[in-house]
């Protein structure tokens, strides 16, 4: 019997498989402020990614930021 995931878990998994987090990081050149963060969350709401655990979204963005900055060093 399959375990039914919560909407929050379903949405964070869907987001982590999408290009959206890395696109945000690239657009911001790896740097963003609180308003940029709030705007990103509003964007996610518009794309039907809510409900979602915003702490996990933040961790996902930090992970993508680390990947982005590592790739920039290689250039």
PDB file of N, CA and C in Angstrom:
ATOM      1  N   UNK A   1       0.831  -1.183   0.000  1.00  0.00           N
ATOM      2  CA  UNK A   1       0.000   0.000   0.000  1.00  0.00           C
ATOM      3  C   UNK A   1       0.877   1.249   0.000  1.00  0.00           C
ATOM      4  N   UNK A   2       0.631   2.144  -0.923  1.00  0.00           N
ATOM      5  CA  UNK A   2       1.431   3.357  -1.054  1.00  0.00           C
ATOM      6  C   UNK A   2       1.062   4.354   0.041  1.00  0.00           C
ATOM      7  N   UNK A   3       2.079   5.057   0.498  1.00  0.00           N
ATOM      8  CA  UNK A   3       1.869   6.091   1.500  1.00  0.00           C
ATOM      9  C   UNK A   3       1.424   7.367   0.792  1.00  0.00           C
ATOM     10  N   UNK A   4       0.365   7.964   1.276  1.00  0.00           N
ATOM     11  CA  UNK A   4      -0.126   9.196   0.687  1.00  0.00           C
ATOM     12  C   UNK A   4       0.682  10.353   1.265  1.00  0.00           C
ATOM     13  N   UNK A   5       1.310  11.118   0.379  1.00  0.00           N
ATOM     14  CA  UNK A   5       2.109  12.261   0.803  1.00  0.00           C
ATOM     15  C   UNK A   5       1.208  13.457   1.075  1.00  0.00           C
ATOM     16  N   UNK A   6       1.665  14.293   1.997  1.00  0.00           N
ATOM     17  CA  UNK A   6       0.933  15.526   2.273  1.00  0.00           C
ATOM     18  C   UNK A   6       1.068  16.454   1.064  1.00  0.00           C
ATOM     19  N   UNK A   7       0.165  17.402   0.920  1.00  0.00           N
ATOM     20  CA  UNK A   7       0.297  18.375  -0.177  1.00  0.00           C
ATOM     21  C   UNK A   7       1.629  19.135  -0.106  1.00  0.00           C
ATOM     22  N   UNK A   8       2.078  19.441   1.108  1.00  0.00           N
ATOM     23  CA  UNK A   8       3.357  20.146   1.265  1.00  0.00           C
ATOM     24  C   UNK A   8       4.513  19.309   0.724  1.00  0.00           C
ATOM     25  N   UNK A   9       4.515  18.020   1.073  1.00  0.00           N
ATOM     26  CA  UNK A   9       5.577  17.123   0.615  1.00  0.00           C
ATOM     27  C   UNK A   9       5.507  16.929  -0.900  1.00  0.00           C
ATOM     28  N   UNK A  10       4.312  16.762  -1.410  1.00  0.00           N
ATOM     29  CA  UNK A  10       4.144  16.616  -2.859  1.00  0.00           C
ATOM     30  C   UNK A  10       4.681  17.845  -3.588  1.00  0.00           C
ATOM     31  N   UNK A  11       4.367  19.014  -3.079  1.00  0.00           N
ATOM     32  CA  UNK A  11       4.786  20.250  -3.743  1.00  0.00           C
ATOM     33  C   UNK A  11       6.287  20.494  -3.661  1.00  0.00           C
ATOM     34  N   UNK A  12       6.911  20.195  -2.528  1.00  0.00           N
ATOM     35  CA  UNK A  12       8.363  20.406  -2.442  1.00  0.00           C
ATOM     36  C   UNK A  12       9.091  19.412  -3.352  1.00  0.00           C
ATOM     37  N   UNK A  13       8.577  18.204  -3.453  1.00  0.00           N
ATOM     38  CA  UNK A  13       9.198  17.227  -4.360  1.00  0.00           C
ATOM     39  C   UNK A  13       9.055  17.670  -5.813  1.00  0.00           C
ATOM     40  N   UNK A  14       7.863  18.151  -6.151  1.00  0.00           N
ATOM     41  CA  UNK A  14       7.626  18.632  -7.512  1.00  0.00           C
ATOM     42  C   UNK A  14       8.538  19.828  -7.815  1.00  0.00           C
ATOM     43  N   UNK A  15       8.652  20.749  -6.871  1.00  0.00           N
ATOM     44  CA  UNK A  15       9.499  21.922  -7.068  1.00  0.00           C
ATOM     45  C   UNK A  15      10.964  21.532  -7.215  1.00  0.00           C
ATOM     46  N   UNK A  16      11.419  20.593  -6.401  1.00  0.00           N
ATOM     47  CA  UNK A  16      12.833  20.207  -6.451  1.00  0.00           C
ATOM     48  C   UNK A  16      13.210  19.549  -7.775  1.00  0.00           C
ATOM     49  N   UNK A  17      12.223  18.976  -8.476  1.00  0.00           N
ATOM     50  CA  UNK A  17      12.484  18.359  -9.786  1.00  0.00           C
ATOM     51  C   UNK A  17      12.346  19.350 -10.940  1.00  0.00           C
ATOM     52  N   UNK A  18      11.884  20.548 -10.635  1.00  0.00           N
ATOM     53  CA  UNK A  18      11.656  21.538 -11.685  1.00  0.00           C
ATOM     54  C   UNK A  18      12.876  22.457 -11.823  1.00  0.00           C
ATOM     55  N   UNK A  19      12.959  23.194 -12.928  1.00  0.00           N
ATOM     56  CA  UNK A  19      14.053  24.156 -13.104  1.00  0.00           C
ATOM     57  C   UNK A  19      13.812  25.475 -12.365  1.00  0.00           C
ATOM     58  N   UNK A  20      12.669  25.643 -11.740  1.00  0.00           N
ATOM     59  CA  UNK A  20      12.302  26.923 -11.133  1.00  0.00           C
ATOM     60  C   UNK A  20      13.314  27.412 -10.086  1.00  0.00           C
ATOM     61  N   UNK A  21      13.736  26.576  -9.131  1.00  0.00           N
ATOM     62  CA  UNK A  21      14.689  27.090  -8.133  1.00  0.00           C
ATOM     63  C   UNK A  21      16.012  27.572  -8.753  1.00  0.00           C
ATOM     64  N   UNK A  22      16.568  26.789  -9.660  1.00  0.00           N
ATOM     65  CA  UNK A  22      17.838  27.201 -10.267  1.00  0.00           C
ATOM     66  C   UNK A  22      17.646  28.429 -11.150  1.00  0.00           C
ATOM     67  N   UNK A  23      16.528  28.528 -11.823  1.00  0.00           N
ATOM     68  CA  UNK A  23      16.266  29.722 -12.626  1.00  0.00           C
ATOM     69  C   UNK A  23      16.233  30.971 -11.759  1.00  0.00           C
ATOM     70  N   UNK A  24      15.623  30.859 -10.580  1.00  0.00           N
ATOM     71  CA  UNK A  24      15.596  31.984  -9.650  1.00  0.00           C
ATOM     72  C   UNK A  24      17.011  32.353  -9.225  1.00  0.00           C
ATOM     73  N   UNK A  25      17.798  31.364  -8.843  1.00  0.00           N
ATOM     74  CA  UNK A  25      19.170  31.613  -8.388  1.00  0.00           C
ATOM     75  C   UNK A  25      19.982  32.278  -9.497  1.00  0.00           C
ATOM     76  N   UNK A  26      19.860  31.775 -10.715  1.00  0.00           N
ATOM     77  CA  UNK A  26      20.593  32.359 -11.844  1.00  0.00           C
ATOM     78  C   UNK A  26      20.151  33.787 -12.108  1.00  0.00           C
ATOM     79  N   UNK A  27      18.852  34.017 -12.089  1.00  0.00           N
ATOM     80  CA  UNK A  27      18.321  35.360 -12.330  1.00  0.00           C
ATOM     81  C   UNK A  27      18.849  36.350 -11.293  1.00  0.00           C
ATOM     82  N   UNK A  28      19.007  35.877 -10.063  1.00  0.00           N
ATOM     83  CA  UNK A  28      19.478  36.728  -8.968  1.00  0.00           C
ATOM     84  C   UNK A  28      21.011  36.721  -8.851  1.00  0.00           C
ATOM     85  N   UNK A  29      21.691  36.022  -9.745  1.00  0.00           N
ATOM     86  CA  UNK A  29      23.153  35.871  -9.675  1.00  0.00           C
ATOM     87  C   UNK A  29      23.614  35.348  -8.315  1.00  0.00           C
ATOM     88  N   UNK A  30      22.794  34.485  -7.710  1.00  0.00           N
ATOM     89  CA  UNK A  30      23.158  33.858  -6.448  1.00  0.00           C
ATOM     90  C   UNK A  30      22.973  34.745  -5.227  1.00  0.00           C
ATOM     91  N   UNK A  31      22.348  35.907  -5.399  1.00  0.00           N
ATOM     92  CA  UNK A  31      22.167  36.846  -4.285  1.00  0.00           C
ATOM     93  C   UNK A  31      20.742  37.366  -4.306  1.00  0.00           C
ATOM     94  N   UNK A  32      20.064  37.318  -3.156  1.00  0.00           N
ATOM     95  CA  UNK A  32      18.715  37.868  -3.086  1.00  0.00           C
ATOM     96  C   UNK A  32      18.457  38.411  -1.691  1.00  0.00           C
ATOM     97  N   UNK A  33      17.490  39.298  -1.620  1.00  0.00           N
ATOM     98  CA  UNK A  33      17.116  39.887  -0.341  1.00  0.00           C
ATOM     99  C   UNK A  33      15.747  39.346   0.094  1.00  0.00           C
ATOM    100  N   UNK A  34      15.270  39.857   1.201  1.00  0.00           N
ATOM    101  CA  UNK A  34      14.010  39.345   1.741  1.00  0.00           C
ATOM    102  C   UNK A  34      12.840  39.592   0.789  1.00  0.00           C
ATOM    103  N   UNK A  35      12.818  40.757   0.154  1.00  0.00           N
ATOM    104  CA  UNK A  35      11.725  41.041  -0.776  1.00  0.00           C
ATOM    105  C   UNK A  35      11.766  40.098  -1.978  1.00  0.00           C
ATOM    106  N   UNK A  36      12.971  39.805  -2.469  1.00  0.00           N
ATOM    107  CA  UNK A  36      13.105  38.838  -3.572  1.00  0.00           C
ATOM    108  C   UNK A  36      12.554  37.480  -3.150  1.00  0.00           C
ATOM    109  N   UNK A  37      12.838  37.093  -1.916  1.00  0.00           N
ATOM    110  CA  UNK A  37      12.351  35.824  -1.357  1.00  0.00           C
ATOM    111  C   UNK A  37      10.820  35.817  -1.307  1.00  0.00           C
ATOM    112  N   UNK A  38      10.255  36.901  -0.796  1.00  0.00           N
ATOM    113  CA  UNK A  38       8.794  36.994  -0.730  1.00  0.00           C
ATOM    114  C   UNK A  38       8.172  36.962  -2.125  1.00  0.00           C
ATOM    115  N   UNK A  39       8.808  37.649  -3.061  1.00  0.00           N
ATOM    116  CA  UNK A  39       8.321  37.640  -4.444  1.00  0.00           C
ATOM    117  C   UNK A  39       8.385  36.234  -5.035  1.00  0.00           C
ATOM    118  N   UNK A  40       9.441  35.495  -4.709  1.00  0.00           N
ATOM    119  CA  UNK A  40       9.572  34.124  -5.192  1.00  0.00           C
ATOM    120  C   UNK A  40       8.451  33.242  -4.633  1.00  0.00           C
ATOM    121  N   UNK A  41       8.155  33.415  -3.356  1.00  0.00           N
ATOM    122  CA  UNK A  41       7.062  32.640  -2.759  1.00  0.00           C
ATOM    123  C   UNK A  41       5.729  32.980  -3.418  1.00  0.00           C
ATOM    124  N   UNK A  42       5.502  34.241  -3.727  1.00  0.00           N
ATOM    125  CA  UNK A  42       4.270  34.634  -4.427  1.00  0.00           C
ATOM    126  C   UNK A  42       4.220  34.001  -5.818  1.00  0.00           C
ATOM    127  N   UNK A  43       5.364  33.951  -6.483  1.00  0.00           N
ATOM    128  CA  UNK A  43       5.454  33.296  -7.789  1.00  0.00           C
ATOM    129  C   UNK A  43       5.049  31.824  -7.664  1.00  0.00           C
ATOM    130  N   UNK A  44       5.566  31.165  -6.628  1.00  0.00           N
ATOM    131  CA  UNK A  44       5.233  29.758  -6.412  1.00  0.00           C
ATOM    132  C   UNK A  44       3.742  29.578  -6.148  1.00  0.00           C
ATOM    133  N   UNK A  45       3.154  30.497  -5.419  1.00  0.00           N
ATOM    134  CA  UNK A  45       1.705  30.427  -5.177  1.00  0.00           C
ATOM    135  C   UNK A  45       0.960  30.503  -6.498  1.00  0.00           C
ATOM    136  N   UNK A  46       1.388  31.402  -7.367  1.00  0.00           N
ATOM    137  CA  UNK A  46       0.750  31.546  -8.671  1.00  0.00           C
ATOM    138  C   UNK A  46       0.914  30.322  -9.550  1.00  0.00           C
ATOM    139  N   UNK A  47       1.982  29.563  -9.325  1.00  0.00           N
ATOM    140  CA  UNK A  47       2.246  28.341 -10.089  1.00  0.00           C
ATOM    141  C   UNK A  47       1.670  27.101  -9.419  1.00  0.00           C
ATOM    142  N   UNK A  48       0.857  27.321  -8.393  1.00  0.00           N
ATOM    143  CA  UNK A  48       0.154  26.216  -7.698  1.00  0.00           C
ATOM    144  C   UNK A  48       1.089  25.291  -6.920  1.00  0.00           C
ATOM    145  N   UNK A  49       2.160  25.850  -6.348  1.00  0.00           N
ATOM    146  CA  UNK A  49       3.066  25.063  -5.504  1.00  0.00           C
ATOM    147  C   UNK A  49       2.726  25.185  -4.022  1.00  0.00           C
ATOM    148  N   UNK A  50       1.628  25.802  -3.695  1.00  0.00           N
ATOM    149  CA  UNK A  50       1.215  25.937  -2.299  1.00  0.00           C
ATOM    150  C   UNK A  50       0.047  25.023  -2.033  1.00  0.00           C
ATOM    151  N   UNK A  51      -0.016  24.459  -0.832  1.00  0.00           N
ATOM    152  CA  UNK A  51       0.820  24.695   0.339  1.00  0.00           C
ATOM    153  C   UNK A  51       2.201  24.053   0.160  1.00  0.00           C
ATOM    154  N   UNK A  52       3.198  24.681   0.795  1.00  0.00           N
ATOM    155  CA  UNK A  52       4.573  24.173   0.739  1.00  0.00           C
ATOM    156  C   UNK A  52       5.295  24.616   2.004  1.00  0.00           C
ATOM    157  N   UNK A  53       6.262  23.849   2.426  1.00  0.00           N
ATOM    158  CA  UNK A  53       7.078  24.186   3.597  1.00  0.00           C
ATOM    159  C   UNK A  53       8.121  25.210   3.143  1.00  0.00           C
ATOM    160  N   UNK A  54       7.932  26.468   3.540  1.00  0.00           N
ATOM    161  CA  UNK A  54       8.818  27.530   3.054  1.00  0.00           C
ATOM    162  C   UNK A  54      10.245  27.384   3.580  1.00  0.00           C
ATOM    163  N   UNK A  55      10.414  26.764   4.744  1.00  0.00           N
ATOM    164  CA  UNK A  55      11.777  26.506   5.235  1.00  0.00           C
ATOM    165  C   UNK A  55      12.509  25.570   4.275  1.00  0.00           C
ATOM    166  N   UNK A  56      11.809  24.569   3.804  1.00  0.00           N
ATOM    167  CA  UNK A  56      12.430  23.617   2.861  1.00  0.00           C
ATOM    168  C   UNK A  56      12.675  24.275   1.512  1.00  0.00           C
ATOM    169  N   UNK A  57      11.818  25.203   1.121  1.00  0.00           N
ATOM    170  CA  UNK A  57      12.072  25.963  -0.111  1.00  0.00           C
ATOM    171  C   UNK A  57      13.368  26.750   0.055  1.00  0.00           C
ATOM    172  N   UNK A  58      13.542  27.384   1.202  1.00  0.00           N
ATOM    173  CA  UNK A  58      14.772  28.132   1.470  1.00  0.00           C
ATOM    174  C   UNK A  58      16.004  27.254   1.404  1.00  0.00           C
ATOM    175  N   UNK A  59      15.921  26.062   1.988  1.00  0.00           N
ATOM    176  CA  UNK A  59      17.049  25.129   1.931  1.00  0.00           C
ATOM    177  C   UNK A  59      17.326  24.683   0.495  1.00  0.00           C
ATOM    178  N   UNK A  60      16.278  24.474  -0.270  1.00  0.00           N
ATOM    179  CA  UNK A  60      16.432  24.096  -1.675  1.00  0.00           C
ATOM    180  C   UNK A  60      17.137  25.204  -2.450  1.00  0.00           C
ATOM    181  N   UNK A  61      16.746  26.446  -2.214  1.00  0.00           N
ATOM    182  CA  UNK A  61      17.403  27.564  -2.897  1.00  0.00           C
ATOM    183  C   UNK A  61      18.873  27.671  -2.503  1.00  0.00           C
ATOM    184  N   UNK A  62      19.172  27.451  -1.221  1.00  0.00           N
ATOM    185  CA  UNK A  62      20.571  27.502  -0.785  1.00  0.00           C
ATOM    186  C   UNK A  62      21.397  26.390  -1.429  1.00  0.00           C
ATOM    187  N   UNK A  63      20.793  25.228  -1.598  1.00  0.00           N
ATOM    188  CA  UNK A  63      21.467  24.120  -2.279  1.00  0.00           C
ATOM    189  C   UNK A  63      21.762  24.492  -3.739  1.00  0.00           C
ATOM    190  N   UNK A  64      20.768  25.063  -4.407  1.00  0.00           N
ATOM    191  CA  UNK A  64      20.944  25.470  -5.803  1.00  0.00           C
ATOM    192  C   UNK A  64      21.950  26.609  -5.909  1.00  0.00           C
ATOM    193  N   UNK A  65      21.952  27.496  -4.920  1.00  0.00           N
ATOM    194  CA  UNK A  65      22.915  28.598  -4.900  1.00  0.00           C
ATOM    195  C   UNK A  65      24.343  28.052  -4.820  1.00  0.00           C
ATOM    196  N   UNK A  66      24.562  27.065  -3.965  1.00  0.00           N
ATOM    197  CA  UNK A  66      25.892  26.459  -3.839  1.00  0.00           C
ATOM    198  C   UNK A  66      26.329  25.833  -5.164  1.00  0.00           C
ATOM    199  N   UNK A  67      25.406  25.151  -5.846  1.00  0.00           N
ATOM    200  CA  UNK A  67      25.713  24.561  -7.150  1.00  0.00           C
ATOM    201  C   UNK A  67      26.044  25.648  -8.166  1.00  0.00           C
ATOM    202  N   UNK A  68      25.262  26.712  -8.171  1.00  0.00           N
ATOM    203  CA  UNK A  68      25.456  27.821  -9.099  1.00  0.00           C
ATOM    204  C   UNK A  68      26.824  28.478  -8.875  1.00  0.00           C
ATOM    205  N   UNK A  69      27.142  28.777  -7.615  1.00  0.00           N
ATOM    206  CA  UNK A  69      28.412  29.446  -7.315  1.00  0.00           C
ATOM    207  C   UNK A  69      29.599  28.542  -7.632  1.00  0.00           C
ATOM    208  N   UNK A  70      29.459  27.236  -7.394  1.00  0.00           N
ATOM    209  CA  UNK A  70      30.540  26.300  -7.735  1.00  0.00           C
ATOM    210  C   UNK A  70      30.757  26.284  -9.236  1.00  0.00           C
ATOM    211  N   UNK A  71      29.692  26.324 -10.010  1.00  0.00           N
ATOM    212  CA  UNK A  71      29.809  26.333 -11.470  1.00  0.00           C
ATOM    213  C   UNK A  71      30.441  27.641 -11.948  1.00  0.00           C
ATOM    214  N   UNK A  72      30.156  28.739 -11.262  1.00  0.00           N
ATOM    215  CA  UNK A  72      30.736  30.031 -11.653  1.00  0.00           C
ATOM    216  C   UNK A  72      32.245  30.047 -11.422  1.00  0.00           C
ATOM    217  N   UNK A  73      32.704  29.378 -10.362  1.00  0.00           N
ATOM    218  CA  UNK A  73      34.139  29.298 -10.069  1.00  0.00           C
ATOM    219  C   UNK A  73      34.886  28.528 -11.159  1.00  0.00           C
ATOM    220  N   UNK A  74      34.213  27.549 -11.754  1.00  0.00           N
ATOM    221  CA  UNK A  74      34.841  26.714 -12.776  1.00  0.00           C
ATOM    222  C   UNK A  74      35.030  27.445 -14.087  1.00  0.00           C
ATOM    223  N   UNK A  75      34.332  28.551 -14.276  1.00  0.00           N
ATOM    224  CA  UNK A  75      34.418  29.289 -15.533  1.00  0.00           C
ATOM    225  C   UNK A  75      35.693  30.078 -15.640  1.00  0.00           C
TER     226      UNK A  75
END
